[in-house]
Amino acid sequence: MNPVEPDAGLTARVAAYIRGGAYPEVAAQAAGIGPGRLRRWLARGAKKGASAPLKAFCQAVKQAEAVARLQAEVAALKAKPLDWLRHGPGRPRENRDGWTAAARAERATEITEPELPWALVHELVTRLEPWPEARVAVAEWLMGTCRQEGTKDTIQVYSSGADETSDTGAAE
């Protein structure tokens, strides 16, 4: 038997063998089709614009493989449910927990304030030098923010000529 394309009867036979548990190559050989021809038919049937018989054959083989896989999974589940859970489609994977993994609560995300842009803070305090009261008020507010964030940075409150810095932001 050397058909150019599969007919409906051949397609039905091959699909039935696969649903029964045979691998596609074995099913095709049992129906009189060699492995090379099977691969060509499947490749051509998967392409856009394939003839109706090739497209139907390709779809029937894929569906039969899925049915066979489903039957095997159901049989494994019934025979050894714990093995099926550990090693089957529900097993844990890198991107998801499996059905046998203990459920874990999502970790609460801590909301934190963004880190202060210290270059901007320095520029602000420098530009406020002509207005000492405003400079002290801004420095106190910024230092309060730093304490909440737990940083040890200091802000120079006094004029640029003074060496003093304050971690409280208040004049001493």
Protein backbone atom coordinates (compact mmCIF):
# COMPACT_ATOMS: atom_id res chain seq x y z
CA MET A 1 0.00 0.00 0.00
CA ASN A 2 1.52 3.31 -1.05
CA PRO A 3 -1.15 6.03 -1.10
CA VAL A 4 -0.21 9.60 -2.01
CA GLU A 5 -2.57 11.00 0.65
CA PRO A 6 -4.49 9.31 3.45
CA ASP A 7 -8.15 8.53 2.87
CA ALA A 8 -10.83 8.65 5.58
CA GLY A 9 -10.57 4.91 6.32
CA LEU A 10 -6.79 4.97 6.75
CA THR A 11 -7.04 8.09 8.94
CA ALA A 12 -9.65 6.40 11.14
CA ARG A 13 -7.55 3.21 11.49
CA VAL A 14 -4.34 5.03 12.43
CA ALA A 15 -6.20 7.26 14.91
CA ALA A 16 -7.91 4.22 16.50
CA TYR A 17 -4.56 2.45 16.97
CA ILE A 18 -3.08 5.55 18.60
CA ARG A 19 -6.10 5.99 20.90
CA GLY A 20 -5.60 2.35 21.86
CA GLY A 21 -2.10 3.18 23.11
CA ALA A 22 0.18 2.69 20.08
CA TYR A 23 2.81 5.25 19.22
CA PRO A 24 2.03 7.05 15.93
CA GLU A 25 4.90 5.34 14.06
CA VAL A 26 3.73 1.89 15.18
CA ALA A 27 0.10 2.73 14.41
CA ALA A 28 1.03 3.91 10.90
CA GLN A 29 3.11 0.80 10.23
CA ALA A 30 0.23 -1.39 11.42
CA ALA A 31 -1.94 0.41 8.86
CA GLY A 32 0.66 -0.09 6.10
CA ILE A 33 2.32 3.35 6.19
CA GLY A 34 6.07 3.69 6.71
CA PRO A 35 7.56 6.09 9.27
CA GLY A 36 9.01 8.42 6.62
CA ARG A 37 5.66 8.80 4.89
CA LEU A 38 3.98 9.39 8.28
CA ARG A 39 6.42 12.21 9.10
CA ARG A 40 5.91 13.80 5.67
CA TRP A 41 2.12 13.62 5.95
CA LEU A 42 2.18 15.14 9.44
CA ALA A 43 4.56 17.93 8.35
CA ARG A 44 2.53 18.72 5.21
CA GLY A 45 -0.79 18.47 7.08
CA ALA A 46 0.36 21.01 9.69
CA LYS A 47 1.18 23.65 7.07
CA LYS A 48 -1.19 26.37 6.01
CA GLY A 49 -2.93 25.49 2.77
CA ALA A 50 -2.61 21.70 3.25
CA SER A 51 -5.06 19.51 1.38
CA ALA A 52 -8.19 18.50 3.28
CA PRO A 53 -7.17 14.80 3.61
CA LEU A 54 -3.70 15.69 4.98
CA LYS A 55 -5.12 18.31 7.35
CA ALA A 56 -7.73 15.81 8.62
CA PHE A 57 -5.06 13.11 9.06
CA CYS A 58 -2.76 15.48 11.00
CA GLN A 59 -5.60 16.65 13.26
CA ALA A 60 -6.82 13.08 13.85
CA VAL A 61 -3.31 11.93 14.85
CA LYS A 62 -2.84 14.88 17.25
CA GLN A 63 -6.26 14.31 18.81
CA ALA A 64 -5.67 10.57 19.12
CA GLU A 65 -2.33 11.22 20.84
CA ALA A 66 -4.08 13.52 23.32
CA VAL A 67 -6.79 10.92 23.99
CA ALA A 68 -4.18 8.21 24.55
CA ARG A 69 -2.25 10.48 26.92
CA LEU A 70 -5.46 11.30 28.77
CA GLN A 71 -6.33 7.62 29.15
CA ALA A 72 -2.82 6.85 30.45
CA GLU A 73 -3.00 9.70 32.97
CA VAL A 74 -6.43 8.61 34.20
CA ALA A 75 -5.21 5.02 34.56
CA ALA A 76 -2.14 6.19 36.51
CA LEU A 77 -4.34 8.34 38.73
CA LYS A 78 -6.63 5.42 39.52
CA ALA A 79 -3.80 2.91 40.05
CA LYS A 80 -1.42 5.05 42.12
CA PRO A 81 -2.84 8.48 42.93
CA LEU A 82 0.10 9.61 45.06
CA ASP A 83 2.62 8.72 42.33
CA TRP A 84 0.44 10.51 39.80
CA LEU A 85 0.39 13.62 41.99
CA ARG A 86 4.16 13.56 42.54
CA HIS A 87 5.24 12.74 38.99
CA GLY A 88 2.30 13.63 36.76
CA PRO A 89 1.12 16.92 35.29
CA GLY A 90 0.36 18.31 38.76
CA ARG A 91 3.93 17.96 40.05
CA PRO A 92 5.72 21.09 41.26
CA ARG A 93 7.65 23.00 38.61
CA GLU A 94 9.90 26.03 38.57
CA ASN A 95 7.15 28.44 37.65
CA ARG A 96 4.33 27.04 39.79
CA ASP A 97 3.55 24.97 42.85
CA GLY A 98 2.29 21.48 42.22
CA TRP A 99 -0.80 19.87 43.65
CA THR A 100 1.25 18.07 46.31
CA ALA A 101 3.17 21.14 47.50
CA ALA A 102 1.95 22.79 50.68
CA ALA A 103 0.02 25.94 49.98
CA ARG A 104 1.95 29.08 50.82
CA ALA A 105 0.50 32.49 51.51
CA GLU A 106 1.78 35.33 49.40
CA ARG A 107 4.33 37.40 51.27
CA ALA A 108 2.95 40.83 52.06
CA THR A 109 4.82 43.47 50.17
CA GLU A 110 6.21 46.13 52.46
CA ILE A 111 5.42 49.61 51.27
CA THR A 112 8.48 51.79 51.61
CA GLU A 113 9.08 55.37 50.75
CA PRO A 114 11.48 55.93 47.87
CA GLU A 115 15.04 56.79 48.83
CA LEU A 116 15.74 60.50 48.93
CA PRO A 117 17.68 61.83 45.93
CA TRP A 118 20.61 63.22 47.89
CA ALA A 119 21.97 65.35 45.06
CA LEU A 120 18.61 67.12 44.89
CA VAL A 121 18.48 67.50 48.69
CA HIS A 122 21.97 69.03 48.68
CA GLU A 123 21.00 71.46 45.91
CA LEU A 124 17.79 72.45 47.74
CA VAL A 125 19.57 73.14 51.03
CA THR A 126 22.31 75.06 49.21
CA ARG A 127 19.80 77.26 47.37
CA LEU A 128 17.95 77.98 50.63
CA GLU A 129 21.11 79.46 52.19
CA PRO A 130 19.83 83.06 51.90
CA TRP A 131 16.76 82.05 53.96
CA PRO A 132 18.01 80.36 57.13
CA GLU A 133 14.56 79.76 58.66
CA ALA A 134 13.32 78.00 55.52
CA ARG A 135 16.58 76.05 55.31
CA VAL A 136 16.22 74.82 58.90
CA ALA A 137 12.55 73.92 58.36
CA VAL A 138 13.35 71.88 55.23
CA ALA A 139 16.34 70.23 56.92
CA GLU A 140 14.22 69.24 59.93
CA TRP A 141 11.58 67.76 57.67
CA LEU A 142 14.18 65.88 55.63
CA MET A 143 15.92 64.55 58.72
CA GLY A 144 12.60 63.30 60.04
CA THR A 145 12.19 61.44 56.76
CA CYS A 146 15.72 60.04 57.07
CA ARG A 147 15.03 58.74 60.58
CA GLN A 148 11.91 56.97 59.32
CA GLU A 149 13.97 55.35 56.57
CA GLY A 150 16.72 54.49 59.06
CA THR A 151 19.53 56.26 57.18
CA LYS A 152 22.52 57.86 58.87
CA ASP A 153 22.95 60.66 56.32
CA THR A 154 23.25 64.21 57.58
CA ILE A 155 22.25 67.49 56.09
CA GLN A 156 24.28 70.67 56.55
CA VAL A 157 21.91 73.22 57.99
CA TYR A 158 24.28 76.13 58.45
CA SER A 159 25.90 78.30 55.84
CA SER A 160 28.45 76.69 53.58
CA GLY A 161 31.24 78.28 55.61
CA ALA A 162 30.33 76.36 58.79
CA ASP A 163 31.69 72.87 59.40
CA GLU A 164 28.73 71.81 61.50
CA THR A 165 26.16 69.33 60.34
CA SER A 166 23.07 68.25 62.12
CA ASP A 167 21.36 64.94 62.32
CA THR A 168 18.38 66.62 63.92
CA GLY A 169 18.18 69.45 61.43
CA ALA A 170 17.83 72.04 64.19
CA ALA A 171 20.33 74.79 64.92
CA GLU A 172 22.40 74.13 68.02
